[in-house]
Amino acid sequence: MKIGVVTFPGSLDDVDAQRAVAIGGNDAVALWHGDHDLKGVDAVVLPGGFSYGDYLRCGAISRFSPVMAEVIAAAGRGMPVLGICNGFQILCESHLLPGALIRNDHRKFVCRDQRLRVENNRTPWTSAYAEGAEITIVLKNGEGGFVADEATLDRLEGEGQVVARYLGDNPNGSLRDIAGVTNAAGNVVGLMPHPEHAVEDLTGAGTDGLGFFTSLVEQSFA
């Protein structure tokens, strides 16, 4: 599968995401924020970082970049899209995902290995995991608190749109310990922790994040 990884001004983890895509058995394709061109990819990753310096709000400017017009249209046609950390924020600003990400409740940047539970393994990005699987991947954010109104939270819970949930101490004040969500169609996923930093035993928290990058390959051969 050809998976595009978008680089915005201020992206931090685009190269890491490209490497994770390749380790997962896919072809990584570099995409540029200023292009109206997805280069024929089968899926898109919006990586972590500080796009456009996080001015206004995290992801608020990136949402209007030329490439996002193409991503939004492709997502509407069913293309799998994964937003990691800042990418999750961009997806919420683009209204591809419900809710918003706000400053951590303790007002400090957090960087640690984080335990998660996979709540939904029926998306193109999580099918490699067993439902209920407990994994550990890297978390690093200053504006990672997921918020939404009670009706939206109830709908996310009731319709199985919570993809991952924090285990142990809540690291950022996310409501209902939500670490990641998907859209109603299931093709767009936002995740605050960084699976691309947990794909090799040599570095990071092990390889628990690799499933986010092998799921598409496994589905294509299923």
Foldseek 3Di string as FASTA:
>chain_A
DEEEEEDAVFADCSVLVCVLLVLLPYHYDYHYQQDLDPPPGQAYEYGDGQGVNCPPHLLQVSLPGNPNVNVVVVVVVPRAYEYEASGLQNCCNNVQDDWHWAFFPVQDWDWDWFKKFFQDLPALQRVVDDHRDIDIAIATDGGGATDDDPVVVVCQVVLVFQGMFTDDDLPGNHPPRGQKGHDNVRRYIYGHTDLSQACDCVGGDHRRSSSSSNSNVVVVVD
